[in-house]
Amino acid sequence: LVSRLGLGLAYGEADTVRQAVAVLTAALADAEAAHGPDHRHTIEIRAALACCHAVDGEFGAAAVEYDRAVADAARALGPEHPDTAVLREERRRLCEPPSPE
């Protein structure tokens, strides 16, 4: 699973986001089956998938995955844990329209 996370991230960095989404979607299903939604690897894979959706302009799909990752992290790590806060910030930065200045 960790190797497939790395592969998905490499695809994302190489601008082959659709391949990254495919790899991460499969890895997420396997991680959930093997470890459940609250495991650190599952949360990391979900967050990477969310980021790839955002990069691909699929902001609705990205928001859904980020919301789930934040909820899972809050449940597993606590709502004030630094990793949970990072996920909240990523979601805000990548999925919400900029505020008018």
N, C-alpha and C. Protein backbone atom coordinates (compact mmCIF):
# COMPACT_ATOMS: atom_id res chain seq x y z
N LEU A 1 0.81 -1.20 0.00
CA LEU A 1 0.00 0.00 0.00
C LEU A 1 0.85 1.26 0.00
N VAL A 2 1.90 1.26 0.79
CA VAL A 2 2.77 2.42 0.84
C VAL A 2 3.45 2.62 -0.51
N SER A 3 3.85 1.53 -1.16
CA SER A 3 4.46 1.63 -2.49
C SER A 3 3.48 2.19 -3.50
N ARG A 4 2.22 1.77 -3.41
CA ARG A 4 1.23 2.29 -4.34
C ARG A 4 0.91 3.75 -4.05
N LEU A 5 0.97 4.16 -2.80
CA LEU A 5 0.84 5.58 -2.47
C LEU A 5 1.96 6.35 -3.15
N GLY A 6 3.18 5.85 -3.03
CA GLY A 6 4.32 6.50 -3.68
C GLY A 6 4.17 6.55 -5.18
N LEU A 7 3.69 5.48 -5.78
CA LEU A 7 3.47 5.45 -7.22
C LEU A 7 2.41 6.48 -7.62
N GLY A 8 1.33 6.54 -6.87
CA GLY A 8 0.28 7.52 -7.15
C GLY A 8 0.80 8.94 -7.05
N LEU A 9 1.60 9.22 -6.02
CA LEU A 9 2.18 10.56 -5.88
C LEU A 9 3.14 10.87 -7.02
N ALA A 10 3.90 9.87 -7.45
CA ALA A 10 4.83 10.08 -8.57
C ALA A 10 4.06 10.40 -9.85
N TYR A 11 2.97 9.69 -10.10
CA TYR A 11 2.13 10.01 -11.26
C TYR A 11 1.61 11.44 -11.16
N GLY A 12 1.17 11.82 -9.98
CA GLY A 12 0.66 13.18 -9.78
C GLY A 12 1.71 14.23 -10.05
N GLU A 13 2.92 13.99 -9.61
CA GLU A 13 4.01 14.95 -9.83
C GLU A 13 4.44 14.98 -11.28
N ALA A 14 4.21 13.90 -12.01
CA ALA A 14 4.60 13.83 -13.42
C ALA A 14 3.47 14.32 -14.34
N ASP A 15 2.46 14.96 -13.74
CA ASP A 15 1.33 15.48 -14.50
C ASP A 15 0.53 14.41 -15.22
N THR A 16 0.52 13.22 -14.68
CA THR A 16 -0.36 12.16 -15.17
C THR A 16 -1.37 11.88 -14.06
N VAL A 17 -2.17 12.90 -13.79
CA VAL A 17 -3.06 12.89 -12.64
C VAL A 17 -4.11 11.79 -12.76
N ARG A 18 -4.60 11.54 -13.95
CA ARG A 18 -5.63 10.50 -14.10
C ARG A 18 -5.07 9.12 -13.71
N GLN A 19 -3.81 8.87 -14.05
CA GLN A 19 -3.19 7.61 -13.62
C GLN A 19 -3.02 7.59 -12.10
N ALA A 20 -2.67 8.73 -11.54
CA ALA A 20 -2.53 8.82 -10.09
C ALA A 20 -3.86 8.52 -9.41
N VAL A 21 -4.95 9.08 -9.94
CA VAL A 21 -6.27 8.84 -9.37
C VAL A 21 -6.61 7.35 -9.42
N ALA A 22 -6.32 6.72 -10.54
CA ALA A 22 -6.62 5.28 -10.68
C ALA A 22 -5.84 4.45 -9.67
N VAL A 23 -4.55 4.72 -9.54
CA VAL A 23 -3.71 3.96 -8.60
C VAL A 23 -4.16 4.22 -7.16
N LEU A 24 -4.41 5.48 -6.83
CA LEU A 24 -4.79 5.82 -5.46
C LEU A 24 -6.18 5.31 -5.10
N THR A 25 -7.09 5.29 -6.05
CA THR A 25 -8.43 4.75 -5.80
C THR A 25 -8.34 3.27 -5.45
N ALA A 26 -7.55 2.53 -6.20
CA ALA A 26 -7.37 1.10 -5.91
C ALA A 26 -6.66 0.90 -4.58
N ALA A 27 -5.64 1.69 -4.32
CA ALA A 27 -4.91 1.57 -3.06
C ALA A 27 -5.81 1.92 -1.87
N LEU A 28 -6.68 2.91 -2.04
CA LEU A 28 -7.59 3.29 -0.96
C LEU A 28 -8.55 2.15 -0.63
N ALA A 29 -9.10 1.52 -1.65
CA ALA A 29 -10.00 0.39 -1.41
C ALA A 29 -9.28 -0.73 -0.65
N ASP A 30 -8.06 -1.01 -1.04
CA ASP A 30 -7.29 -2.05 -0.36
C ASP A 30 -6.94 -1.65 1.08
N ALA A 31 -6.58 -0.38 1.27
CA ALA A 31 -6.23 0.09 2.62
C ALA A 31 -7.43 0.03 3.55
N GLU A 32 -8.60 0.42 3.04
CA GLU A 32 -9.80 0.35 3.87
C GLU A 32 -10.13 -1.10 4.23
N ALA A 33 -9.97 -1.99 3.26
CA ALA A 33 -10.25 -3.41 3.53
C ALA A 33 -9.26 -4.01 4.52
N ALA A 34 -7.99 -3.63 4.40
CA ALA A 34 -6.95 -4.21 5.24
C ALA A 34 -6.88 -3.57 6.63
N HIS A 35 -7.05 -2.25 6.69
CA HIS A 35 -6.78 -1.53 7.93
C HIS A 35 -7.97 -0.77 8.50
N GLY A 36 -8.98 -0.50 7.68
CA GLY A 36 -10.11 0.32 8.11
C GLY A 36 -9.86 1.78 7.82
N PRO A 37 -10.88 2.61 7.99
CA PRO A 37 -10.77 4.02 7.60
C PRO A 37 -9.90 4.87 8.52
N ASP A 38 -9.68 4.44 9.75
CA ASP A 38 -8.97 5.27 10.71
C ASP A 38 -7.46 5.03 10.76
N HIS A 39 -6.97 4.14 9.94
CA HIS A 39 -5.53 3.86 9.93
C HIS A 39 -4.79 4.99 9.21
N ARG A 40 -3.62 5.30 9.71
CA ARG A 40 -2.83 6.41 9.16
C ARG A 40 -2.60 6.27 7.65
N HIS A 41 -2.27 5.06 7.18
CA HIS A 41 -2.04 4.89 5.74
C HIS A 41 -3.31 5.14 4.94
N THR A 42 -4.44 4.70 5.43
CA THR A 42 -5.70 4.93 4.74
C THR A 42 -5.98 6.41 4.63
N ILE A 43 -5.77 7.13 5.71
CA ILE A 43 -6.00 8.58 5.71
C ILE A 43 -5.03 9.26 4.75
N GLU A 44 -3.77 8.86 4.73
CA GLU A 44 -2.79 9.46 3.83
C GLU A 44 -3.15 9.21 2.37
N ILE A 45 -3.58 8.00 2.06
CA ILE A 45 -3.95 7.68 0.68
C ILE A 45 -5.17 8.50 0.28
N ARG A 46 -6.17 8.60 1.16
CA ARG A 46 -7.37 9.38 0.87
C ARG A 46 -7.01 10.85 0.62
N ALA A 47 -6.12 11.40 1.44
CA ALA A 47 -5.71 12.79 1.27
C ALA A 47 -4.96 12.98 -0.06
N ALA A 48 -4.12 12.04 -0.43
CA ALA A 48 -3.41 12.13 -1.71
C ALA A 48 -4.40 12.06 -2.87
N LEU A 49 -5.40 11.20 -2.75
CA LEU A 49 -6.43 11.11 -3.78
C LEU A 49 -7.19 12.42 -3.88
N ALA A 50 -7.54 13.00 -2.75
CA ALA A 50 -8.24 14.29 -2.74
C ALA A 50 -7.41 15.36 -3.44
N CYS A 51 -6.14 15.41 -3.13
CA CYS A 51 -5.24 16.39 -3.75
C CYS A 51 -5.20 16.20 -5.26
N CYS A 52 -5.11 14.97 -5.72
CA CYS A 52 -5.07 14.70 -7.16
C CYS A 52 -6.37 15.13 -7.83
N HIS A 53 -7.50 14.89 -7.18
CA HIS A 53 -8.77 15.36 -7.72
C HIS A 53 -8.75 16.88 -7.86
N ALA A 54 -8.24 17.58 -6.84
CA ALA A 54 -8.19 19.04 -6.89
C ALA A 54 -7.29 19.52 -8.02
N VAL A 55 -6.14 18.90 -8.16
CA VAL A 55 -5.20 19.27 -9.23
C VAL A 55 -5.84 19.06 -10.61
N ASP A 56 -6.69 18.04 -10.71
CA ASP A 56 -7.36 17.72 -11.96
C ASP A 56 -8.60 18.59 -12.18
N GLY A 57 -8.89 19.50 -11.26
CA GLY A 57 -10.04 20.38 -11.40
C GLY A 57 -11.35 19.76 -10.95
N GLU A 58 -11.29 18.59 -10.33
CA GLU A 58 -12.48 17.91 -9.82
C GLU A 58 -12.68 18.31 -8.36
N PHE A 59 -13.09 19.56 -8.16
CA PHE A 59 -13.14 20.11 -6.81
C PHE A 59 -14.21 19.48 -5.93
N GLY A 60 -15.32 19.07 -6.52
CA GLY A 60 -16.36 18.38 -5.75
C GLY A 60 -15.86 17.06 -5.20
N ALA A 61 -15.21 16.27 -6.06
CA ALA A 61 -14.65 14.98 -5.63
C ALA A 61 -13.55 15.20 -4.60
N ALA A 62 -12.75 16.24 -4.81
CA ALA A 62 -11.67 16.55 -3.87
C ALA A 62 -12.25 16.89 -2.49
N ALA A 63 -13.29 17.71 -2.47
CA ALA A 63 -13.90 18.12 -1.20
C ALA A 63 -14.47 16.92 -0.46
N VAL A 64 -15.12 16.01 -1.19
CA VAL A 64 -15.68 14.81 -0.56
C VAL A 64 -14.57 13.99 0.11
N GLU A 65 -13.48 13.77 -0.62
CA GLU A 65 -12.38 12.96 -0.06
C GLU A 65 -11.68 13.68 1.09
N TYR A 66 -11.48 15.00 0.96
CA TYR A 66 -10.86 15.74 2.07
C TYR A 66 -11.76 15.71 3.30
N ASP A 67 -13.07 15.89 3.11
CA ASP A 67 -13.98 15.86 4.25
C ASP A 67 -13.90 14.52 4.97
N ARG A 68 -13.83 13.46 4.21
CA ARG A 68 -13.73 12.12 4.80
C ARG A 68 -12.38 11.95 5.51
N ALA A 69 -11.30 12.43 4.88
CA ALA A 69 -9.98 12.32 5.50
C ALA A 69 -9.92 13.11 6.80
N VAL A 70 -10.50 14.31 6.81
CA VAL A 70 -10.52 15.12 8.02
C VAL A 70 -11.32 14.42 9.11
N ALA A 71 -12.49 13.90 8.77
CA ALA A 71 -13.32 13.20 9.75
C ALA A 71 -12.59 11.97 10.31
N ASP A 72 -11.96 11.21 9.42
CA ASP A 72 -11.24 10.02 9.87
C ASP A 72 -10.05 10.40 10.76
N ALA A 73 -9.32 11.43 10.36
CA ALA A 73 -8.17 11.87 11.16
C ALA A 73 -8.62 12.41 12.52
N ALA A 74 -9.71 13.16 12.52
CA ALA A 74 -10.22 13.69 13.79
C ALA A 74 -10.62 12.56 14.74
N ARG A 75 -11.23 11.54 14.19
CA ARG A 75 -11.65 10.39 14.99
C ARG A 75 -10.44 9.59 15.48
N ALA A 76 -9.46 9.39 14.60
CA ALA A 76 -8.31 8.55 14.94
C ALA A 76 -7.25 9.28 15.75
N LEU A 77 -7.02 10.54 15.42
CA LEU A 77 -5.92 11.28 16.03
C LEU A 77 -6.37 12.36 16.99
N GLY A 78 -7.59 12.81 16.81
CA GLY A 78 -8.13 13.91 17.60
C GLY A 78 -8.34 15.13 16.73
N PRO A 79 -9.36 15.92 17.04
CA PRO A 79 -9.68 17.07 16.19
C PRO A 79 -8.62 18.17 16.19
N GLU A 80 -7.81 18.22 17.23
CA GLU A 80 -6.78 19.27 17.32
C GLU A 80 -5.38 18.76 16.96
N HIS A 81 -5.28 17.51 16.53
CA HIS A 81 -3.97 16.95 16.17
C HIS A 81 -3.41 17.73 14.98
N PRO A 82 -2.10 17.95 14.94
CA PRO A 82 -1.50 18.69 13.82
C PRO A 82 -1.81 18.10 12.44
N ASP A 83 -1.86 16.78 12.33
CA ASP A 83 -2.16 16.17 11.03
C ASP A 83 -3.60 16.46 10.60
N THR A 84 -4.51 16.49 11.55
CA THR A 84 -5.90 16.83 11.25
C THR A 84 -5.98 18.28 10.80
N ALA A 85 -5.25 19.15 11.45
CA ALA A 85 -5.25 20.57 11.08
C ALA A 85 -4.67 20.77 9.68
N VAL A 86 -3.63 20.03 9.35
CA VAL A 86 -3.03 20.13 8.01
C VAL A 86 -4.05 19.72 6.94
N LEU A 87 -4.78 18.65 7.19
CA LEU A 87 -5.79 18.21 6.22
C LEU A 87 -6.88 19.27 6.06
N ARG A 88 -7.31 19.87 7.16
CA ARG A 88 -8.31 20.95 7.07
C ARG A 88 -7.79 22.11 6.22
N GLU A 89 -6.55 22.47 6.44
CA GLU A 89 -5.96 23.58 5.69
C GLU A 89 -5.80 23.24 4.21
N GLU A 90 -5.37 22.01 3.90
CA GLU A 90 -5.26 21.59 2.50
C GLU A 90 -6.62 21.68 1.82
N ARG A 91 -7.65 21.21 2.50
CA ARG A 91 -8.99 21.25 1.93
C ARG A 91 -9.40 22.69 1.65
N ARG A 92 -9.18 23.56 2.63
CA ARG A 92 -9.53 24.97 2.46
C ARG A 92 -8.78 25.60 1.29
N ARG A 93 -7.50 25.32 1.22
CA ARG A 93 -6.65 25.92 0.19
C ARG A 93 -6.96 25.40 -1.20
N LEU A 94 -7.26 24.11 -1.32
CA LEU A 94 -7.43 23.51 -2.64
C LEU A 94 -8.88 23.43 -3.12
N CYS A 95 -9.83 23.48 -2.22
CA CYS A 95 -11.22 23.22 -2.62
C CYS A 95 -12.16 24.42 -2.48
N GLU A 96 -11.77 25.42 -1.73
CA GLU A 96 -12.66 26.55 -1.53
C GLU A 96 -12.22 27.72 -2.40
N PRO A 97 -13.17 28.44 -2.97
CA PRO A 97 -12.80 29.59 -3.79
C PRO A 97 -12.14 30.66 -2.93
N PRO A 98 -11.22 31.39 -3.52
CA PRO A 98 -10.55 32.45 -2.75
C PRO A 98 -11.56 33.51 -2.32
N SER A 99 -11.35 34.06 -1.16
CA SER A 99 -12.25 35.11 -0.69
C SER A 99 -11.94 36.42 -1.41
N PRO A 100 -12.97 37.20 -1.73
CA PRO A 100 -12.74 38.48 -2.42
C PRO A 100 -12.00 39.44 -1.49
N GLU A 101 -11.09 40.17 -2.09
CA GLU A 101 -10.30 41.11 -1.26
C GLU A 101 -10.79 42.50 -1.40
